[in-house]
C-alpha atoms as a PDB file:
ATOM      1  CA  MET A   1      -2.137   8.493 -14.520  1.00  0.00           C
ATOM      2  CA  GLY A   2       1.212   7.113 -13.606  1.00  0.00           C
ATOM      3  CA  GLY A   3       2.856   3.897 -16.122  1.00  0.00           C
ATOM      4  CA  HIS A   4       1.195   3.778 -18.990  1.00  0.00           C
ATOM      5  CA  SER A   5       2.247   0.442 -20.091  1.00  0.00           C
ATOM      6  CA  GLU A   6       0.808  -3.167 -19.795  1.00  0.00           C
ATOM      7  CA  ASP A   7       3.960  -4.987 -20.142  1.00  0.00           C
ATOM      8  CA  TYR A   8       4.794  -6.326 -16.525  1.00  0.00           C
ATOM      9  CA  ASP A   9       4.760  -9.963 -14.567  1.00  0.00           C
ATOM     10  CA  PHE A  10       2.799  -8.815 -10.808  1.00  0.00           C
ATOM     11  CA  LEU A  11       0.157  -5.822 -10.864  1.00  0.00           C
ATOM     12  CA  PHE A  12       0.048  -4.881  -6.528  1.00  0.00           C
ATOM     13  CA  LYS A  13      -2.251  -3.069  -5.470  1.00  0.00           C
ATOM     14  CA  VAL A  14      -1.318  -0.829  -2.981  1.00  0.00           C
ATOM     15  CA  VAL A  15      -4.513   1.024  -0.395  1.00  0.00           C
ATOM     16  CA  LEU A  16      -3.557   4.834   1.308  1.00  0.00           C
ATOM     17  CA  ILE A  17      -5.305   4.914   4.778  1.00  0.00           C
ATOM     18  CA  GLY A  18      -5.647   7.468   7.042  1.00  0.00           C
ATOM     19  CA  ASP A  19      -7.047  11.202   8.469  1.00  0.00           C
ATOM     20  CA  SER A  20      -7.703  13.786   5.931  1.00  0.00           C
ATOM     21  CA  GLY A  21      -4.987  16.127   5.198  1.00  0.00           C
ATOM     22  CA  VAL A  22      -1.711  13.653   5.842  1.00  0.00           C
ATOM     23  CA  GLY A  23      -0.820  14.117   2.435  1.00  0.00           C
ATOM     24  CA  LYS A  24      -1.777  10.484   1.070  1.00  0.00           C
ATOM     25  CA  SER A  25      -2.866  12.516  -2.514  1.00  0.00           C
ATOM     26  CA  ASN A  26       0.493  13.937  -2.249  1.00  0.00           C
ATOM     27  CA  LEU A  27       2.073  11.076  -1.600  1.00  0.00           C
ATOM     28  CA  LEU A  28       0.196   8.992  -5.024  1.00  0.00           C
ATOM     29  CA  SER A  29       1.240  11.782  -7.019  1.00  0.00           C
ATOM     30  CA  ARG A  30       4.442  12.814  -6.160  1.00  0.00           C
ATOM     31  CA  PHE A  31       5.180   8.483  -6.300  1.00  0.00           C
ATOM     32  CA  THR A  32       3.148   8.326  -9.932  1.00  0.00           C
ATOM     33  CA  ARG A  33       3.861  11.427 -11.055  1.00  0.00           C
ATOM     34  CA  ASN A  34       6.640  13.339  -9.531  1.00  0.00           C
ATOM     35  CA  GLU A  35       4.264  15.891  -8.953  1.00  0.00           C
ATOM     36  CA  PHE A  36       3.103  17.771  -5.336  1.00  0.00           C
ATOM     37  CA  ASN A  37       0.509  20.825  -5.022  1.00  0.00           C
ATOM     38  CA  LEU A  38       0.350  23.220  -2.769  1.00  0.00           C
ATOM     39  CA  GLU A  39      -3.028  24.242  -2.957  1.00  0.00           C
ATOM     40  CA  SER A  40      -4.419  19.965  -3.056  1.00  0.00           C
ATOM     41  CA  LYS A  41      -7.773  19.378  -2.173  1.00  0.00           C
ATOM     42  CA  SER A  42      -9.297  16.784   0.451  1.00  0.00           C
ATOM     43  CA  THR A  43     -10.075  13.359  -1.698  1.00  0.00           C
ATOM     44  CA  ILE A  44     -13.500  13.009  -2.156  1.00  0.00           C
ATOM     45  CA  GLY A  45     -14.738   9.786  -3.571  1.00  0.00           C
ATOM     46  CA  VAL A  46     -11.435   7.368  -4.282  1.00  0.00           C
ATOM     47  CA  GLU A  47      -9.015   7.489  -7.103  1.00  0.00           C
ATOM     48  CA  PHE A  48      -5.889   5.245  -8.343  1.00  0.00           C
ATOM     49  CA  ALA A  49      -3.004   5.987  -9.879  1.00  0.00           C
ATOM     50  CA  THR A  50       0.299   3.129 -11.330  1.00  0.00           C
ATOM     51  CA  ARG A  51       3.781   3.222 -11.877  1.00  0.00           C
ATOM     52  CA  SER A  52       5.627   0.483 -13.183  1.00  0.00           C
ATOM     53  CA  ILE A  53       9.174  -0.680 -11.035  1.00  0.00           C
ATOM     54  CA  GLN A  54      11.651  -3.322 -11.830  1.00  0.00           C
ATOM     55  CA  VAL A  55      12.528  -5.858  -8.532  1.00  0.00           C
ATOM     56  CA  ASP A  56      14.739  -8.794  -9.540  1.00  0.00           C
ATOM     57  CA  GLY A  57      14.878  -8.296 -12.796  1.00  0.00           C
ATOM     58  CA  LYS A  58      10.735  -8.832 -13.068  1.00  0.00           C
ATOM     59  CA  ILE A  59       8.305  -5.610 -13.810  1.00  0.00           C
ATOM     60  CA  VAL A  60       6.100  -4.533 -11.082  1.00  0.00           C
ATOM     61  CA  LYS A  61       3.300  -2.853 -11.428  1.00  0.00           C
ATOM     62  CA  ALA A  62       1.442  -0.708  -9.045  1.00  0.00           C
ATOM     63  CA  GLN A  63      -1.735  -0.114  -8.496  1.00  0.00           C
ATOM     64  CA  ILE A  64      -2.432   2.298  -5.683  1.00  0.00           C
ATOM     65  CA  TRP A  65      -5.088   3.852  -3.913  1.00  0.00           C
ATOM     66  CA  ASP A  66      -6.066   7.074  -2.584  1.00  0.00           C
ATOM     67  CA  THR A  67      -9.659   7.976  -0.591  1.00  0.00           C
ATOM     68  CA  ALA A  68     -10.794  10.889   1.250  1.00  0.00           C
ATOM     69  CA  GLY A  69     -10.378   9.979   5.064  1.00  0.00           C
ATOM     70  CA  GLN A  70     -13.537  11.664   6.604  1.00  0.00           C
ATOM     71  CA  GLU A  71     -15.876   9.696   8.669  1.00  0.00           C
ATOM     72  CA  ARG A  72     -18.317   9.754   5.562  1.00  0.00           C
ATOM     73  CA  TYR A  73     -16.576   8.251   2.906  1.00  0.00           C
ATOM     74  CA  ARG A  74     -16.676   5.086   4.728  1.00  0.00           C
ATOM     75  CA  ALA A  75     -19.385   2.843   2.930  1.00  0.00           C
ATOM     76  CA  ILE A  76     -17.136   2.275  -0.033  1.00  0.00           C
ATOM     77  CA  THR A  77     -14.722   0.433   2.398  1.00  0.00           C
ATOM     78  CA  ALA A  78     -15.135  -2.811   1.052  1.00  0.00           C
ATOM     79  CA  ALA A  79     -14.622  -2.377  -2.170  1.00  0.00           C
ATOM     80  CA  TYR A  80     -11.778  -0.314  -1.723  1.00  0.00           C
ATOM     81  CA  TYR A  81      -9.580  -2.761   0.624  1.00  0.00           C
ATOM     82  CA  ARG A  82     -10.777  -5.771  -1.646  1.00  0.00           C
ATOM     83  CA  GLY A  83      -7.990  -7.338  -3.695  1.00  0.00           C
ATOM     84  CA  ALA A  84      -4.960  -4.882  -1.453  1.00  0.00           C
ATOM     85  CA  VAL A  85      -1.826  -7.065  -1.120  1.00  0.00           C
ATOM     86  CA  GLY A  86      -0.425  -3.257   1.275  1.00  0.00           C
ATOM     87  CA  ALA A  87      -0.892  -0.965   2.904  1.00  0.00           C
ATOM     88  CA  LEU A  88       0.369   2.830   3.709  1.00  0.00           C
ATOM     89  CA  LEU A  89      -1.012   4.200   6.803  1.00  0.00           C
ATOM     90  CA  VAL A  90      -0.005   7.373   6.244  1.00  0.00           C
ATOM     91  CA  TYR A  91       0.039  10.285   9.537  1.00  0.00           C
ATOM     92  CA  ASP A  92       1.511  13.864  10.136  1.00  0.00           C
ATOM     93  CA  ILE A  93       4.313  13.794  11.781  1.00  0.00           C
ATOM     94  CA  ALA A  94       3.519  17.761  12.988  1.00  0.00           C
ATOM     95  CA  LYS A  95      -0.484  16.599  14.222  1.00  0.00           C
ATOM     96  CA  HIS A  96      -0.766  14.071  17.155  1.00  0.00           C
ATOM     97  CA  GLN A  97      -4.174  13.772  16.363  1.00  0.00           C
ATOM     98  CA  THR A  98      -3.568  11.972  14.004  1.00  0.00           C
ATOM     99  CA  TYR A  99      -1.030   9.401  15.136  1.00  0.00           C
ATOM    100  CA  GLU A 100      -3.607   8.374  17.777  1.00  0.00           C
ATOM    101  CA  ASN A 101      -6.063   7.449  15.064  1.00  0.00           C
ATOM    102  CA  VAL A 102      -3.244   5.351  12.544  1.00  0.00           C
ATOM    103  CA  GLU A 103      -5.190   3.084  16.234  1.00  0.00           C
ATOM    104  CA  LEU A 104      -8.398   2.495  14.529  1.00  0.00           C
ATOM    105  CA  TRP A 105      -7.558   2.643  11.308  1.00  0.00           C
ATOM    106  CA  LEU A 106      -5.170  -0.596  11.733  1.00  0.00           C
ATOM    107  CA  LYS A 107      -8.188  -1.942  13.068  1.00  0.00           C
ATOM    108  CA  GLU A 108     -10.280  -0.967  10.457  1.00  0.00           C
ATOM    109  CA  LEU A 109      -7.719  -2.697   7.940  1.00  0.00           C
ATOM    110  CA  ARG A 110      -7.363  -6.261   9.908  1.00  0.00           C
ATOM    111  CA  ASP A 111     -11.335  -5.898   9.162  1.00  0.00           C
ATOM    112  CA  HIS A 112     -11.568  -5.574   5.992  1.00  0.00           C
ATOM    113  CA  ALA A 113      -8.465  -6.457   4.449  1.00  0.00           C
ATOM    114  CA  ASP A 114      -6.691  -9.682   3.910  1.00  0.00           C
ATOM    115  CA  SER A 115      -5.559 -11.012   7.200  1.00  0.00           C
ATOM    116  CA  ASN A 116      -1.811 -11.201   5.561  1.00  0.00           C
ATOM    117  CA  ILE A 117      -1.883  -7.653   4.077  1.00  0.00           C
ATOM    118  CA  VAL A 118       1.633  -6.320   4.192  1.00  0.00           C
ATOM    119  CA  ILE A 119       1.254  -2.328   6.387  1.00  0.00           C
ATOM    120  CA  MET A 120       3.831   0.435   6.029  1.00  0.00           C
ATOM    121  CA  LEU A 121       3.142   2.930   9.529  1.00  0.00           C
ATOM    122  CA  VAL A 122       4.752   6.371   6.841  1.00  0.00           C
ATOM    123  CA  GLY A 123       4.888   9.675   9.121  1.00  0.00           C
ATOM    124  CA  ASN A 124       4.416  11.605   6.308  1.00  0.00           C
ATOM    125  CA  LYS A 125       5.282  15.854   6.641  1.00  0.00           C
ATOM    126  CA  SER A 126       8.878  15.262   8.337  1.00  0.00           C
ATOM    127  CA  ASP A 127      10.126  18.630   5.836  1.00  0.00           C
ATOM    128  CA  LEU A 128       8.046  20.059   9.580  1.00  0.00           C
ATOM    129  CA  ARG A 129      10.515  19.038  11.508  1.00  0.00           C
ATOM    130  CA  HIS A 130      10.143  22.808  13.452  1.00  0.00           C
ATOM    131  CA  LEU A 131       6.609  21.921  14.491  1.00  0.00           C
ATOM    132  CA  ARG A 132       7.046  18.238  14.813  1.00  0.00           C
ATOM    133  CA  ALA A 133       4.452  16.823  17.406  1.00  0.00           C
ATOM    134  CA  VAL A 134       5.230  12.843  17.310  1.00  0.00           C
ATOM    135  CA  THR A 135       8.592  11.432  18.001  1.00  0.00           C
ATOM    136  CA  THR A 136      10.352   8.926  15.450  1.00  0.00           C
ATOM    137  CA  GLU A 137      11.121   7.102  18.166  1.00  0.00           C
ATOM    138  CA  GLU A 138       7.887   6.351  19.127  1.00  0.00           C
ATOM    139  CA  ALA A 139       5.804   6.296  16.060  1.00  0.00           C
ATOM    140  CA  ARG A 140       8.594   2.994  15.644  1.00  0.00           C
ATOM    141  CA  THR A 141       8.045   1.433  18.763  1.00  0.00           C
ATOM    142  CA  PHE A 142       3.897   1.065  17.572  1.00  0.00           C
ATOM    143  CA  ALA A 143       5.368   0.418  14.442  1.00  0.00           C
ATOM    144  CA  GLU A 144       7.059  -2.688  16.633  1.00  0.00           C
ATOM    145  CA  LYS A 145       4.581  -3.392  18.680  1.00  0.00           C
ATOM    146  CA  HIS A 146       2.190  -4.387  15.808  1.00  0.00           C
ATOM    147  CA  ASP A 147       4.720  -5.532  13.468  1.00  0.00           C
ATOM    148  CA  LEU A 148       4.893  -3.335  11.170  1.00  0.00           C
ATOM    149  CA  SER A 149       7.732  -1.563   9.011  1.00  0.00           C
ATOM    150  CA  PHE A 150       8.080   2.563   9.735  1.00  0.00           C
ATOM    151  CA  ILE A 151       9.849   5.212   7.521  1.00  0.00           C
ATOM    152  CA  GLU A 152       9.589   8.880   7.739  1.00  0.00           C
ATOM    153  CA  THR A 153       8.077  11.017   4.596  1.00  0.00           C
ATOM    154  CA  SER A 154       7.544  13.671   2.916  1.00  0.00           C
ATOM    155  CA  ALA A 155       5.637  14.521  -0.420  1.00  0.00           C
ATOM    156  CA  LEU A 156       6.682  18.081  -0.216  1.00  0.00           C
ATOM    157  CA  ASP A 157      10.733  17.776  -0.910  1.00  0.00           C
ATOM    158  CA  SER A 158      10.218  14.290  -2.133  1.00  0.00           C
ATOM    159  CA  THR A 159      12.590  12.532   0.984  1.00  0.00           C
ATOM    160  CA  ASN A 160      11.802   8.743   0.763  1.00  0.00           C
ATOM    161  CA  VAL A 161       9.215   8.740  -1.396  1.00  0.00           C
ATOM    162  CA  GLU A 162      10.504   6.846  -3.774  1.00  0.00           C
ATOM    163  CA  SER A 163      11.903   3.992  -0.480  1.00  0.00           C
ATOM    164  CA  ALA A 164       8.629   4.083   0.724  1.00  0.00           C
ATOM    165  CA  PHE A 165       6.749   3.101  -1.781  1.00  0.00           C
ATOM    166  CA  ILE A 166       9.474   0.658  -3.234  1.00  0.00           C
ATOM    167  CA  ASN A 167      10.269  -1.665   0.037  1.00  0.00           C
ATOM    168  CA  ILE A 168       6.812  -2.132   0.220  1.00  0.00           C
ATOM    169  CA  LEU A 169       6.286  -3.615  -3.203  1.00  0.00           C
ATOM    170  CA  THR A 170      10.280  -5.385  -3.019  1.00  0.00           C
ATOM    171  CA  GLU A 171       8.011  -7.334   0.616  1.00  0.00           C
ATOM    172  CA  ILE A 172       5.185  -8.146  -1.848  1.00  0.00           C
ATOM    173  CA  TYR A 173       6.896  -9.188  -4.674  1.00  0.00           C
ATOM    174  CA  ARG A 174       9.444 -10.942  -2.164  1.00  0.00           C
ATOM    175  CA  ILE A 175       6.111 -13.067  -0.785  1.00  0.00           C
ATOM    176  CA  VAL A 176       4.718 -13.863  -3.218  1.00  0.00           C
ATOM    177  CA  SER A 177       7.554 -15.041  -5.058  1.00  0.00           C
ATOM    178  CA  GLN A 178       8.168 -17.844  -1.962  1.00  0.00           C
ATOM    179  CA  ARG A 179       4.541 -18.978  -2.400  1.00  0.00           C
ATOM    180  CA  GLN A 180       4.635 -19.163  -6.197  1.00  0.00           C
ATOM    181  CA  ILE A 181       7.602 -21.099  -5.191  1.00  0.00           C
ATOM    182  CA  LEU A 182       5.397 -22.847  -2.810  1.00  0.00           C
ATOM    183  CA  ASP A 183       3.049 -23.685  -4.652  1.00  0.00           C
ATOM    184  CA  GLN A 184       4.836 -24.986  -7.903  1.00  0.00           C
ATOM    185  CA  GLY A 185       6.124 -27.122  -5.384  1.00  0.00           C
ATOM    186  CA  MET A 186       2.465 -28.662  -3.819  1.00  0.00           C
ATOM    187  CA  GLN A 187       1.708 -29.187  -7.644  1.00  0.00           C
ATOM    188  CA  GLN A 188       3.980 -31.472  -8.133  1.00  0.00           C
ATOM    189  CA  THR A 189       3.112 -33.927  -5.175  1.00  0.00           C
ATOM    190  CA  LEU A 190      -0.223 -34.117  -6.419  1.00  0.00           C
ATOM    191  CA  PRO A 191      -1.497 -36.873  -8.297  1.00  0.00           C
ATOM    192  CA  GLY A 192      -2.259 -35.161 -11.405  1.00  0.00           C
ATOM    193  CA  GLY A 193      -0.466 -32.002 -11.256  1.00  0.00           C
ATOM    194  CA  SER A 194      -3.958 -30.424  -9.316  1.00  0.00           C
ATOM    195  CA  VAL A 195      -3.570 -27.053  -8.244  1.00  0.00           C
ATOM    196  CA  VAL A 196      -4.049 -26.008  -4.940  1.00  0.00           C
ATOM    197  CA  PRO A 197      -4.735 -21.802  -5.353  1.00  0.00           C
ATOM    198  CA  ILE A 198      -2.834 -19.990  -2.716  1.00  0.00           C
ATOM    199  CA  ASP A 199      -5.884 -17.548  -1.313  1.00  0.00           C
ATOM    200  CA  PRO A 200      -9.318 -18.215  -3.044  1.00  0.00           C
ATOM    201  CA  THR A 201     -10.307 -14.116  -3.500  1.00  0.00           C
ATOM    202  CA  THR A 202     -11.581 -13.534  -7.084  1.00  0.00           C
ATOM    203  CA  PRO A 203      -8.060 -12.328  -9.156  1.00  0.00           C
ATOM    204  CA  ASP A 204      -8.987  -8.950 -11.439  1.00  0.00           C
ATOM    205  CA  THR A 205     -11.848 -10.009 -14.643  1.00  0.00           C
ATOM    206  CA  ASN A 206      -9.273  -7.532 -16.617  1.00  0.00           C
ATOM    207  CA  LYS A 207      -6.840  -9.567 -16.330  1.00  0.00           C
ATOM    208  CA  SER A 208      -7.816 -13.578 -16.393  1.00  0.00           C
ATOM    209  CA  ASN A 209      -4.524 -14.814 -17.630  1.00  0.00           C
ATOM    210  CA  ARG A 210      -2.527 -12.830 -14.838  1.00  0.00           C
ATOM    211  CA  PRO A 211      -1.790 -15.642 -11.882  1.00  0.00           C
ATOM    212  CA  SER A 212      -4.448 -15.269  -8.908  1.00  0.00           C
ATOM    213  CA  CYS A 213      -1.211 -14.886  -6.744  1.00  0.00           C
ATOM    214  CA  CYS A 214       0.069 -11.596  -8.000  1.00  0.00           C
ATOM    215  CA  GLN A 215      -3.434 -10.304  -7.633  1.00  0.00           C
ATOM    216  CA  ASN A 216      -3.709 -11.077  -3.839  1.00  0.00           C
ATOM    217  CA  LEU A 217      -1.791 -12.724  -0.839  1.00  0.00           C
END
């Protein structure tokens, strides 16, 4: 699914979280395959797709994971969040309850994900402006309070979907690049050029030749 090339400089895992029915799966399919399905059913379990973009001349491959928002699938959270360096926290602008639950999802993210994960609040279904139940200003204020980036999207008409994913991937890339520079500086000052890992977590075993910083912040 999505980009098939294995030629990339960085691999970033990004997760989609939020209530069932807010449009996470359609955001995923719109960004990775430019598809939208009006008959889309709730995701059962977990699925992911990939797409590669260029940032500063480097190829960044995004592995984007989507899971069901229903309570009964919470058992998969530990594996779902493992290795994630970014998260899109999605709500439906026409359903205020999905926005109210953002706080619960944010807590779950803080509990299970890496403390340095980059988080973007996404108000989806902006095409339903005539049914809007969550104002842009209300959501932006929440995002600023919790130090999140914020954007409104529509998977239906493609509004801001590219921007949302590209913005978060670019932010992750900048952070990782800075850490690589710092890490190289530390290696030069240590006796024998000892390597100091940026993150102690295990890198993707399928890409053991990739630096661990490209898997986890």
